[in-house]
Amino acid sequence: MTRHYADGSVEALAWEDVVEVRVEGDADADVLYTLLDRDGQGCVVPRSATDASFLTRLRYLPDFDLDRLASAVATAREGYTVVWRSPDPPAPLPDLEYD
């Protein structure tokens, strides 16, 4: 997934690195899909920039629920709704002790 901005910057995320999908937006703006990797880095995709292939690709995420996605889009508001998380999340980082 790659998004090119008008200022020349680019966000990119490989589909196999996606561990979370969020939906956010409000009545005055486009709904946004945010795809995140294990490090919290991601790619923001406006709904207006998606096509059938984007939704098809989401369906290949393990146990992805299109009904949950549709419900989140229909009720998008400020803040975000997590519509999918990887069933195989990354291991938590160990607590570090400082002397």
N, C-alpha and C. Protein backbone atom coordinates (compact mmCIF):
# COMPACT_ATOMS: atom_id res chain seq x y z
N MET A 1 0.85 -1.15 0.00
CA MET A 1 0.00 0.00 0.00
C MET A 1 0.91 1.23 0.00
N THR A 2 0.66 2.13 -0.93
CA THR A 2 1.45 3.36 -1.03
C THR A 2 0.53 4.53 -1.24
N ARG A 3 0.79 5.62 -0.54
CA ARG A 3 0.03 6.85 -0.71
C ARG A 3 1.00 7.98 -0.99
N HIS A 4 0.75 8.71 -2.07
CA HIS A 4 1.58 9.85 -2.46
C HIS A 4 0.82 11.13 -2.12
N TYR A 5 1.48 12.05 -1.42
CA TYR A 5 0.88 13.33 -1.04
C TYR A 5 1.27 14.42 -2.02
N ALA A 6 0.48 15.48 -2.05
CA ALA A 6 0.72 16.60 -2.96
C ALA A 6 2.09 17.25 -2.70
N ASP A 7 2.57 17.20 -1.45
CA ASP A 7 3.86 17.82 -1.14
C ASP A 7 5.05 16.95 -1.52
N GLY A 8 4.78 15.78 -2.13
CA GLY A 8 5.84 14.89 -2.56
C GLY A 8 6.19 13.79 -1.57
N SER A 9 5.67 13.87 -0.35
CA SER A 9 5.96 12.83 0.63
C SER A 9 5.16 11.57 0.29
N VAL A 10 5.65 10.44 0.81
CA VAL A 10 5.04 9.14 0.49
C VAL A 10 4.93 8.33 1.78
N GLU A 11 3.80 7.64 1.95
CA GLU A 11 3.63 6.66 3.01
C GLU A 11 3.51 5.31 2.32
N ALA A 12 4.18 4.31 2.85
CA ALA A 12 4.10 2.98 2.24
C ALA A 12 4.11 1.92 3.34
N LEU A 13 3.39 0.86 3.09
CA LEU A 13 3.30 -0.24 4.04
C LEU A 13 3.01 -1.51 3.25
N ALA A 14 3.81 -2.54 3.46
CA ALA A 14 3.57 -3.82 2.80
C ALA A 14 2.38 -4.50 3.47
N TRP A 15 1.52 -5.10 2.67
CA TRP A 15 0.33 -5.76 3.22
C TRP A 15 0.69 -6.80 4.26
N GLU A 16 1.79 -7.53 4.06
CA GLU A 16 2.15 -8.57 5.03
C GLU A 16 2.61 -8.00 6.37
N ASP A 17 2.87 -6.68 6.43
CA ASP A 17 3.27 -6.04 7.68
C ASP A 17 2.10 -5.43 8.44
N VAL A 18 0.92 -5.43 7.87
CA VAL A 18 -0.25 -4.82 8.51
C VAL A 18 -0.67 -5.66 9.72
N VAL A 19 -0.79 -5.00 10.88
CA VAL A 19 -1.24 -5.69 12.10
C VAL A 19 -2.51 -5.06 12.66
N GLU A 20 -2.92 -3.90 12.12
CA GLU A 20 -4.14 -3.25 12.62
C GLU A 20 -4.74 -2.38 11.52
N VAL A 21 -6.07 -2.37 11.46
CA VAL A 21 -6.81 -1.51 10.54
C VAL A 21 -7.79 -0.70 11.37
N ARG A 22 -7.75 0.63 11.16
CA ARG A 22 -8.64 1.55 11.88
C ARG A 22 -9.49 2.32 10.87
N VAL A 23 -10.65 2.78 11.34
CA VAL A 23 -11.51 3.66 10.56
C VAL A 23 -11.75 4.90 11.40
N GLU A 24 -11.62 6.07 10.77
CA GLU A 24 -11.89 7.31 11.48
C GLU A 24 -12.48 8.33 10.52
N GLY A 25 -13.05 9.37 11.08
CA GLY A 25 -13.63 10.43 10.27
C GLY A 25 -14.76 11.10 11.02
N ASP A 26 -15.40 12.05 10.34
CA ASP A 26 -16.58 12.70 10.92
C ASP A 26 -17.48 13.14 9.78
N ALA A 27 -18.60 13.74 10.12
CA ALA A 27 -19.59 14.11 9.11
C ALA A 27 -19.08 15.13 8.11
N ASP A 28 -18.10 15.93 8.50
CA ASP A 28 -17.59 16.99 7.62
C ASP A 28 -16.36 16.60 6.81
N ALA A 29 -15.88 15.36 6.96
CA ALA A 29 -14.65 14.96 6.28
C ALA A 29 -14.81 13.56 5.69
N ASP A 30 -13.85 13.20 4.87
CA ASP A 30 -13.81 11.87 4.30
C ASP A 30 -13.48 10.86 5.39
N VAL A 31 -13.99 9.67 5.27
CA VAL A 31 -13.63 8.58 6.17
C VAL A 31 -12.22 8.14 5.80
N LEU A 32 -11.41 7.86 6.81
CA LEU A 32 -10.03 7.43 6.60
C LEU A 32 -9.83 6.01 7.09
N TYR A 33 -9.10 5.23 6.30
CA TYR A 33 -8.64 3.91 6.73
C TYR A 33 -7.18 4.09 7.11
N THR A 34 -6.80 3.62 8.30
CA THR A 34 -5.41 3.68 8.73
C THR A 34 -4.92 2.26 8.91
N LEU A 35 -3.86 1.90 8.19
CA LEU A 35 -3.24 0.59 8.30
C LEU A 35 -1.93 0.77 9.03
N LEU A 36 -1.72 -0.02 10.09
CA LEU A 36 -0.52 0.13 10.92
C LEU A 36 0.32 -1.14 10.91
N ASP A 37 1.64 -0.96 11.07
CA ASP A 37 2.54 -2.10 11.21
C ASP A 37 2.87 -2.30 12.69
N ARG A 38 3.74 -3.25 12.98
CA ARG A 38 4.09 -3.59 14.37
C ARG A 38 4.74 -2.45 15.13
N ASP A 39 5.35 -1.52 14.42
CA ASP A 39 6.02 -0.38 15.07
C ASP A 39 5.11 0.83 15.21
N GLY A 40 3.83 0.70 14.81
CA GLY A 40 2.92 1.82 14.88
C GLY A 40 3.01 2.76 13.70
N GLN A 41 3.86 2.43 12.73
CA GLN A 41 3.96 3.22 11.51
C GLN A 41 2.89 2.73 10.55
N GLY A 42 2.42 3.61 9.69
CA GLY A 42 1.38 3.15 8.82
C GLY A 42 1.13 4.00 7.62
N CYS A 43 -0.03 3.77 7.06
CA CYS A 43 -0.45 4.44 5.84
C CYS A 43 -1.92 4.82 6.01
N VAL A 44 -2.23 6.08 5.77
CA VAL A 44 -3.60 6.58 5.88
C VAL A 44 -4.19 6.67 4.48
N VAL A 45 -5.35 6.07 4.29
CA VAL A 45 -5.98 6.03 2.97
C VAL A 45 -7.39 6.61 3.08
N PRO A 46 -7.67 7.72 2.38
CA PRO A 46 -9.03 8.25 2.38
C PRO A 46 -9.97 7.28 1.66
N ARG A 47 -11.17 7.15 2.16
CA ARG A 47 -12.14 6.26 1.53
C ARG A 47 -12.34 6.64 0.06
N SER A 48 -12.31 7.93 -0.23
CA SER A 48 -12.50 8.40 -1.60
C SER A 48 -11.39 7.93 -2.54
N ALA A 49 -10.26 7.48 -1.99
CA ALA A 49 -9.15 7.03 -2.83
C ALA A 49 -9.08 5.51 -2.93
N THR A 50 -10.06 4.81 -2.37
CA THR A 50 -10.04 3.35 -2.42
C THR A 50 -10.84 2.85 -3.62
N ASP A 51 -10.59 1.60 -3.95
CA ASP A 51 -11.33 0.96 -5.03
C ASP A 51 -11.64 -0.47 -4.60
N ALA A 52 -12.24 -1.23 -5.49
CA ALA A 52 -12.62 -2.60 -5.17
C ALA A 52 -11.41 -3.46 -4.81
N SER A 53 -10.26 -3.20 -5.43
CA SER A 53 -9.08 -4.02 -5.13
C SER A 53 -8.59 -3.78 -3.70
N PHE A 54 -8.75 -2.56 -3.18
CA PHE A 54 -8.37 -2.27 -1.79
C PHE A 54 -9.24 -3.10 -0.84
N LEU A 55 -10.55 -3.08 -1.05
CA LEU A 55 -11.45 -3.85 -0.18
C LEU A 55 -11.23 -5.34 -0.33
N THR A 56 -10.93 -5.79 -1.54
CA THR A 56 -10.63 -7.20 -1.75
C THR A 56 -9.39 -7.59 -0.97
N ARG A 57 -8.39 -6.73 -0.98
CA ARG A 57 -7.15 -7.03 -0.26
C ARG A 57 -7.38 -7.08 1.25
N LEU A 58 -8.23 -6.20 1.77
CA LEU A 58 -8.55 -6.25 3.19
C LEU A 58 -9.15 -7.61 3.57
N ARG A 59 -9.97 -8.15 2.70
CA ARG A 59 -10.63 -9.44 2.96
C ARG A 59 -9.63 -10.58 3.14
N TYR A 60 -8.43 -10.42 2.61
CA TYR A 60 -7.42 -11.46 2.76
C TYR A 60 -6.71 -11.42 4.11
N LEU A 61 -6.93 -10.38 4.89
CA LEU A 61 -6.37 -10.35 6.24
C LEU A 61 -7.10 -11.42 7.05
N PRO A 62 -6.39 -12.19 7.88
CA PRO A 62 -7.02 -13.29 8.61
C PRO A 62 -8.23 -12.84 9.45
N ASP A 63 -9.36 -13.47 9.22
CA ASP A 63 -10.60 -13.21 9.97
C ASP A 63 -11.11 -11.78 9.82
N PHE A 64 -10.78 -11.11 8.72
CA PHE A 64 -11.28 -9.74 8.52
C PHE A 64 -12.79 -9.79 8.33
N ASP A 65 -13.51 -8.89 8.99
CA ASP A 65 -14.97 -8.86 8.98
C ASP A 65 -15.46 -7.64 8.20
N LEU A 66 -15.95 -7.85 6.99
CA LEU A 66 -16.44 -6.75 6.17
C LEU A 66 -17.66 -6.06 6.78
N ASP A 67 -18.49 -6.80 7.52
CA ASP A 67 -19.64 -6.19 8.19
C ASP A 67 -19.18 -5.21 9.26
N ARG A 68 -18.16 -5.58 10.01
CA ARG A 68 -17.61 -4.67 11.03
C ARG A 68 -17.05 -3.41 10.37
N LEU A 69 -16.36 -3.58 9.24
CA LEU A 69 -15.83 -2.44 8.50
C LEU A 69 -16.97 -1.53 8.04
N ALA A 70 -18.01 -2.10 7.45
CA ALA A 70 -19.14 -1.31 6.95
C ALA A 70 -19.81 -0.55 8.09
N SER A 71 -19.96 -1.19 9.23
CA SER A 71 -20.56 -0.53 10.39
C SER A 71 -19.70 0.63 10.88
N ALA A 72 -18.40 0.43 10.94
CA ALA A 72 -17.48 1.50 11.38
C ALA A 72 -17.50 2.67 10.41
N VAL A 73 -17.56 2.39 9.12
CA VAL A 73 -17.62 3.46 8.12
C VAL A 73 -18.93 4.23 8.26
N ALA A 74 -20.03 3.52 8.45
CA ALA A 74 -21.35 4.16 8.56
C ALA A 74 -21.46 5.04 9.80
N THR A 75 -20.72 4.73 10.83
CA THR A 75 -20.80 5.49 12.08
C THR A 75 -19.51 6.23 12.39
N ALA A 76 -18.68 6.45 11.37
CA ALA A 76 -17.38 7.11 11.59
C ALA A 76 -17.58 8.44 12.30
N ARG A 77 -16.73 8.68 13.27
CA ARG A 77 -16.79 9.92 14.06
C ARG A 77 -15.38 10.31 14.44
N GLU A 78 -15.27 11.41 15.15
CA GLU A 78 -13.94 11.80 15.62
C GLU A 78 -13.36 10.67 16.45
N GLY A 79 -12.07 10.53 16.41
CA GLY A 79 -11.42 9.39 17.03
C GLY A 79 -11.37 8.27 16.01
N TYR A 80 -11.13 7.06 16.47
CA TYR A 80 -11.05 5.96 15.53
C TYR A 80 -11.66 4.70 16.13
N THR A 81 -11.99 3.76 15.25
CA THR A 81 -12.49 2.45 15.62
C THR A 81 -11.54 1.42 15.03
N VAL A 82 -11.05 0.53 15.86
CA VAL A 82 -10.23 -0.57 15.36
C VAL A 82 -11.18 -1.61 14.79
N VAL A 83 -11.02 -1.92 13.50
CA VAL A 83 -11.89 -2.89 12.86
C VAL A 83 -11.21 -4.24 12.66
N TRP A 84 -9.88 -4.27 12.81
CA TRP A 84 -9.16 -5.53 12.69
C TRP A 84 -7.81 -5.42 13.37
N ARG A 85 -7.44 -6.49 14.06
CA ARG A 85 -6.09 -6.64 14.61
C ARG A 85 -5.58 -8.02 14.23
N SER A 86 -4.32 -8.11 14.00
CA SER A 86 -3.72 -9.38 13.64
C SER A 86 -3.98 -10.41 14.74
N PRO A 87 -4.38 -11.62 14.35
CA PRO A 87 -4.56 -12.66 15.38
C PRO A 87 -3.22 -13.15 15.93
N ASP A 88 -2.13 -12.74 15.30
CA ASP A 88 -0.79 -13.10 15.72
C ASP A 88 -0.02 -11.82 16.05
N PRO A 89 -0.40 -11.16 17.16
CA PRO A 89 0.23 -9.87 17.47
C PRO A 89 1.70 -10.04 17.83
N PRO A 90 2.45 -8.95 17.71
CA PRO A 90 3.87 -9.03 18.07
C PRO A 90 4.04 -9.27 19.56
N ALA A 91 5.14 -9.89 19.90
CA ALA A 91 5.44 -10.10 21.32
C ALA A 91 5.67 -8.75 21.98
N PRO A 92 5.20 -8.59 23.23
CA PRO A 92 5.44 -7.31 23.91
C PRO A 92 6.92 -7.11 24.17
N LEU A 93 7.31 -5.85 24.19
CA LEU A 93 8.69 -5.54 24.50
C LEU A 93 8.94 -5.76 25.98
N PRO A 94 10.11 -6.27 26.34
CA PRO A 94 10.40 -6.49 27.76
C PRO A 94 10.53 -5.14 28.48
N ASP A 95 10.17 -5.16 29.76
CA ASP A 95 10.37 -3.96 30.57
C ASP A 95 11.87 -3.76 30.78
N LEU A 96 12.29 -2.55 30.62
CA LEU A 96 13.71 -2.25 30.81
C LEU A 96 13.92 -1.67 32.21
N GLU A 97 14.97 -2.09 32.82
CA GLU A 97 15.30 -1.58 34.16
C GLU A 97 16.54 -0.70 34.02
N TYR A 98 16.51 0.44 34.68
CA TYR A 98 17.62 1.36 34.64
C TYR A 98 18.24 1.44 36.02
N ASP A 99 19.56 1.49 36.06
CA ASP A 99 20.26 1.63 37.35
C ASP A 99 20.55 3.08 37.62
